[in-house]
């Protein structure tokens, strides 16, 4: 039977859930030296309203893994934007 190295109690219904899950999957699938790096983009809709969009890219490890970049959809908070980028990376 295959070992279960991925945490089973990581919940994706909180803003940090997908990010923790992505880090765990990355360490198992690509290697422990690879880490996801997030970039946040702020879209100012008005003086009082902004939306955030995040992209995740993998740093470290072999060169073929560094070219992967996933962008999530725009969200009202930075944390939710990072969650959407992590979700997009996991889904792909």
N, C-alpha and C. Protein backbone atom coordinates (compact mmCIF):
# COMPACT_ATOMS: atom_id res chain seq x y z
N UNK A 1 0.84 -1.16 0.00
CA UNK A 1 0.00 0.00 0.00
C UNK A 1 0.89 1.24 0.00
N UNK A 2 0.49 2.24 -0.74
CA UNK A 2 1.24 3.49 -0.83
C UNK A 2 1.12 4.26 0.48
N UNK A 3 2.19 4.95 0.84
CA UNK A 3 2.13 5.74 2.07
C UNK A 3 1.31 7.00 1.85
N UNK A 4 0.72 7.48 2.91
CA UNK A 4 -0.10 8.68 2.85
C UNK A 4 0.67 9.82 3.50
N UNK A 5 1.56 10.47 2.72
CA UNK A 5 2.38 11.55 3.25
C UNK A 5 1.65 12.88 3.27
N UNK A 6 0.61 13.02 2.49
CA UNK A 6 -0.13 14.28 2.41
C UNK A 6 -1.08 14.38 3.61
N UNK A 7 -1.07 15.51 4.26
CA UNK A 7 -1.94 15.69 5.42
C UNK A 7 -3.40 15.49 5.04
N UNK A 8 -4.11 14.69 5.80
CA UNK A 8 -5.52 14.44 5.50
C UNK A 8 -6.44 15.44 6.18
N UNK A 9 -5.91 16.22 7.11
CA UNK A 9 -6.76 17.15 7.83
C UNK A 9 -6.55 18.60 7.38
N UNK A 10 -6.18 18.79 6.13
CA UNK A 10 -6.06 20.14 5.58
C UNK A 10 -7.39 20.48 4.94
N UNK A 11 -8.04 21.52 5.44
CA UNK A 11 -9.36 21.87 4.94
C UNK A 11 -9.25 23.04 3.97
N UNK A 12 -9.92 22.91 2.85
CA UNK A 12 -9.87 23.93 1.81
C UNK A 12 -10.98 24.97 1.97
N UNK A 13 -11.74 24.89 3.04
CA UNK A 13 -12.83 25.87 3.22
C UNK A 13 -12.40 27.07 4.06
N UNK A 14 -11.12 27.18 4.34
CA UNK A 14 -10.57 28.37 5.01
C UNK A 14 -9.52 28.97 4.08
N UNK A 15 -9.25 30.25 4.17
CA UNK A 15 -8.31 30.88 3.23
C UNK A 15 -6.94 30.22 3.16
N UNK A 16 -6.45 29.64 4.25
CA UNK A 16 -5.14 29.02 4.24
C UNK A 16 -5.15 27.57 3.75
N UNK A 17 -6.33 26.98 3.63
CA UNK A 17 -6.44 25.55 3.32
C UNK A 17 -5.76 25.12 2.04
N UNK A 18 -6.08 25.77 0.93
CA UNK A 18 -5.50 25.40 -0.35
C UNK A 18 -4.00 25.67 -0.38
N UNK A 19 -3.56 26.71 0.32
CA UNK A 19 -2.14 27.04 0.34
C UNK A 19 -1.36 25.95 1.06
N UNK A 20 -1.85 25.49 2.22
CA UNK A 20 -1.21 24.40 2.95
C UNK A 20 -1.21 23.13 2.13
N UNK A 21 -2.31 22.84 1.47
CA UNK A 21 -2.41 21.65 0.65
C UNK A 21 -1.45 21.72 -0.53
N UNK A 22 -1.33 22.88 -1.17
CA UNK A 22 -0.40 23.05 -2.28
C UNK A 22 1.04 22.82 -1.84
N UNK A 23 1.42 23.35 -0.69
CA UNK A 23 2.78 23.16 -0.17
C UNK A 23 3.04 21.68 0.08
N UNK A 24 2.09 20.99 0.67
CA UNK A 24 2.24 19.57 0.95
C UNK A 24 2.36 18.75 -0.34
N UNK A 25 1.50 19.03 -1.31
CA UNK A 25 1.54 18.32 -2.60
C UNK A 25 2.85 18.61 -3.33
N UNK A 26 3.29 19.86 -3.29
CA UNK A 26 4.53 20.25 -3.97
C UNK A 26 5.72 19.49 -3.41
N UNK A 27 5.81 19.39 -2.10
CA UNK A 27 6.92 18.69 -1.47
C UNK A 27 6.96 17.22 -1.87
N UNK A 28 5.80 16.61 -1.99
CA UNK A 28 5.72 15.19 -2.34
C UNK A 28 5.97 14.98 -3.84
N UNK A 29 5.33 15.78 -4.68
CA UNK A 29 5.39 15.56 -6.12
C UNK A 29 6.66 16.08 -6.79
N UNK A 30 7.13 17.24 -6.37
CA UNK A 30 8.25 17.88 -7.06
C UNK A 30 9.54 17.77 -6.26
N UNK A 31 9.45 17.84 -4.95
CA UNK A 31 10.64 17.73 -4.10
C UNK A 31 10.61 18.74 -2.97
N UNK A 32 11.33 18.43 -1.89
CA UNK A 32 11.27 19.30 -0.71
C UNK A 32 11.94 20.66 -0.91
N UNK A 33 12.81 20.78 -1.92
CA UNK A 33 13.49 22.07 -2.11
C UNK A 33 12.66 23.06 -2.90
N UNK A 34 11.55 22.61 -3.49
CA UNK A 34 10.69 23.47 -4.29
C UNK A 34 9.64 24.10 -3.39
N UNK A 35 9.40 25.41 -3.57
CA UNK A 35 8.38 26.07 -2.77
C UNK A 35 7.52 26.95 -3.68
N UNK A 36 6.23 27.02 -3.42
CA UNK A 36 5.38 27.92 -4.17
C UNK A 36 5.60 29.36 -3.72
N UNK A 37 5.68 30.26 -4.68
CA UNK A 37 5.85 31.68 -4.37
C UNK A 37 4.67 32.44 -4.96
N UNK A 38 4.02 33.25 -4.14
CA UNK A 38 2.83 33.98 -4.56
C UNK A 38 3.17 35.43 -4.89
N UNK A 39 2.52 35.94 -5.94
CA UNK A 39 2.60 37.35 -6.31
C UNK A 39 1.18 37.89 -6.30
N UNK A 40 0.98 38.99 -5.61
CA UNK A 40 -0.36 39.60 -5.52
C UNK A 40 -0.45 40.82 -6.41
N UNK A 41 -1.59 40.95 -7.08
CA UNK A 41 -1.87 42.11 -7.93
C UNK A 41 -3.13 42.79 -7.40
N UNK A 42 -3.05 44.08 -7.22
CA UNK A 42 -4.21 44.85 -6.74
C UNK A 42 -4.85 45.58 -7.91
N UNK A 43 -6.16 45.38 -8.04
CA UNK A 43 -6.94 46.07 -9.06
C UNK A 43 -7.85 47.06 -8.35
N UNK A 44 -7.58 48.33 -8.49
CA UNK A 44 -8.37 49.36 -7.82
C UNK A 44 -9.59 49.68 -8.68
N UNK A 45 -10.77 49.38 -8.15
CA UNK A 45 -12.01 49.61 -8.88
C UNK A 45 -12.56 51.01 -8.62
N UNK A 46 -12.35 51.50 -7.42
CA UNK A 46 -12.75 52.86 -7.05
C UNK A 46 -11.88 53.30 -5.89
N UNK A 47 -12.13 54.47 -5.34
CA UNK A 47 -11.35 54.94 -4.21
C UNK A 47 -11.47 54.04 -2.98
N UNK A 48 -12.60 53.40 -2.84
CA UNK A 48 -12.83 52.58 -1.65
C UNK A 48 -12.92 51.08 -1.92
N UNK A 49 -12.79 50.66 -3.17
CA UNK A 49 -12.97 49.25 -3.50
C UNK A 49 -11.82 48.74 -4.35
N UNK A 50 -11.23 47.65 -3.90
CA UNK A 50 -10.15 47.01 -4.64
C UNK A 50 -10.42 45.51 -4.72
N UNK A 51 -9.93 44.89 -5.77
CA UNK A 51 -9.96 43.44 -5.92
C UNK A 51 -8.51 42.98 -6.05
N UNK A 52 -8.25 41.77 -5.63
CA UNK A 52 -6.90 41.23 -5.66
C UNK A 52 -6.86 39.97 -6.49
N UNK A 53 -5.77 39.80 -7.19
CA UNK A 53 -5.55 38.60 -7.98
C UNK A 53 -4.15 38.11 -7.65
N UNK A 54 -3.99 36.80 -7.52
CA UNK A 54 -2.69 36.25 -7.16
C UNK A 54 -2.26 35.24 -8.22
N UNK A 55 -0.94 35.13 -8.35
CA UNK A 55 -0.33 34.12 -9.20
C UNK A 55 0.62 33.31 -8.34
N UNK A 56 0.73 32.03 -8.61
CA UNK A 56 1.67 31.18 -7.89
C UNK A 56 2.63 30.57 -8.90
N UNK A 57 3.90 30.59 -8.53
CA UNK A 57 4.96 30.03 -9.37
C UNK A 57 5.87 29.23 -8.45
N UNK A 58 6.47 28.19 -8.97
CA UNK A 58 7.32 27.34 -8.14
C UNK A 58 8.77 27.77 -8.25
N UNK A 59 9.44 27.93 -7.11
CA UNK A 59 10.83 28.36 -7.05
C UNK A 59 11.69 27.22 -6.50
N UNK A 60 12.89 27.09 -7.05
CA UNK A 60 13.81 26.04 -6.60
C UNK A 60 13.61 24.77 -7.40
N UNK A 61 14.45 23.81 -7.16
CA UNK A 61 14.33 22.53 -7.86
C UNK A 61 14.78 22.61 -9.30
N UNK A 62 14.34 21.66 -10.08
CA UNK A 62 14.74 21.57 -11.49
C UNK A 62 14.08 22.66 -12.32
N UNK A 63 14.75 23.06 -13.40
CA UNK A 63 14.29 24.18 -14.24
C UNK A 63 12.92 23.93 -14.85
N UNK A 64 12.57 22.70 -15.18
CA UNK A 64 11.28 22.45 -15.83
C UNK A 64 10.09 22.72 -14.92
N UNK A 65 10.31 22.72 -13.61
CA UNK A 65 9.23 23.02 -12.68
C UNK A 65 9.07 24.51 -12.44
N UNK A 66 10.09 25.29 -12.71
CA UNK A 66 10.04 26.73 -12.44
C UNK A 66 9.20 27.49 -13.47
N UNK A 67 8.88 26.86 -14.57
CA UNK A 67 8.11 27.59 -15.59
C UNK A 67 6.60 27.51 -15.37
N UNK A 68 6.15 26.72 -14.41
CA UNK A 68 4.73 26.63 -14.12
C UNK A 68 4.27 27.85 -13.35
N UNK A 69 3.22 28.49 -13.83
CA UNK A 69 2.65 29.68 -13.18
C UNK A 69 1.14 29.59 -13.30
N UNK A 70 0.46 29.71 -12.20
CA UNK A 70 -1.00 29.61 -12.18
C UNK A 70 -1.58 30.88 -11.60
N UNK A 71 -2.63 31.38 -12.23
CA UNK A 71 -3.28 32.62 -11.81
C UNK A 71 -4.70 32.32 -11.38
N UNK A 72 -5.06 32.81 -10.21
CA UNK A 72 -6.42 32.65 -9.71
C UNK A 72 -7.29 33.81 -10.16
N UNK A 73 -8.57 33.70 -9.91
CA UNK A 73 -9.47 34.78 -10.29
C UNK A 73 -9.44 35.90 -9.25
N UNK A 74 -9.91 37.05 -9.62
CA UNK A 74 -9.91 38.22 -8.73
C UNK A 74 -10.86 37.99 -7.56
N UNK A 75 -10.40 38.39 -6.37
CA UNK A 75 -11.17 38.20 -5.15
C UNK A 75 -11.12 39.48 -4.32
N UNK A 76 -12.04 39.64 -3.35
CA UNK A 76 -12.08 40.88 -2.58
C UNK A 76 -10.97 41.04 -1.53
N UNK A 77 -10.30 39.95 -1.14
CA UNK A 77 -9.22 40.05 -0.15
C UNK A 77 -7.97 39.37 -0.68
N UNK A 78 -6.82 39.75 -0.12
CA UNK A 78 -5.55 39.16 -0.53
C UNK A 78 -5.50 37.67 -0.20
N UNK A 79 -5.97 37.32 0.98
CA UNK A 79 -5.94 35.90 1.40
C UNK A 79 -6.78 35.03 0.48
N UNK A 80 -7.96 35.51 0.09
CA UNK A 80 -8.81 34.73 -0.81
C UNK A 80 -8.19 34.65 -2.21
N UNK A 81 -7.51 35.69 -2.63
CA UNK A 81 -6.85 35.67 -3.93
C UNK A 81 -5.74 34.61 -3.94
N UNK A 82 -4.98 34.52 -2.85
CA UNK A 82 -3.95 33.49 -2.75
C UNK A 82 -4.55 32.09 -2.73
N UNK A 83 -5.70 31.96 -2.06
CA UNK A 83 -6.39 30.68 -2.02
C UNK A 83 -6.81 30.26 -3.44
N UNK A 84 -7.31 31.20 -4.21
CA UNK A 84 -7.76 30.87 -5.57
C UNK A 84 -6.58 30.49 -6.48
N UNK A 85 -5.44 31.14 -6.31
CA UNK A 85 -4.26 30.77 -7.10
C UNK A 85 -3.77 29.37 -6.72
N UNK A 86 -3.77 29.08 -5.42
CA UNK A 86 -3.36 27.75 -4.97
C UNK A 86 -4.35 26.70 -5.47
N UNK A 87 -5.63 27.01 -5.42
CA UNK A 87 -6.65 26.09 -5.93
C UNK A 87 -6.44 25.80 -7.41
N UNK A 88 -6.13 26.83 -8.17
CA UNK A 88 -5.90 26.68 -9.61
C UNK A 88 -4.70 25.77 -9.87
N UNK A 89 -3.64 25.92 -9.09
CA UNK A 89 -2.46 25.07 -9.24
C UNK A 89 -2.77 23.62 -8.90
N UNK A 90 -3.54 23.41 -7.84
CA UNK A 90 -3.91 22.04 -7.46
C UNK A 90 -4.81 21.40 -8.52
N UNK A 91 -5.73 22.17 -9.06
CA UNK A 91 -6.67 21.65 -10.07
C UNK A 91 -5.97 21.26 -11.36
N UNK A 92 -4.86 21.90 -11.68
CA UNK A 92 -4.14 21.61 -12.92
C UNK A 92 -3.15 20.49 -12.74
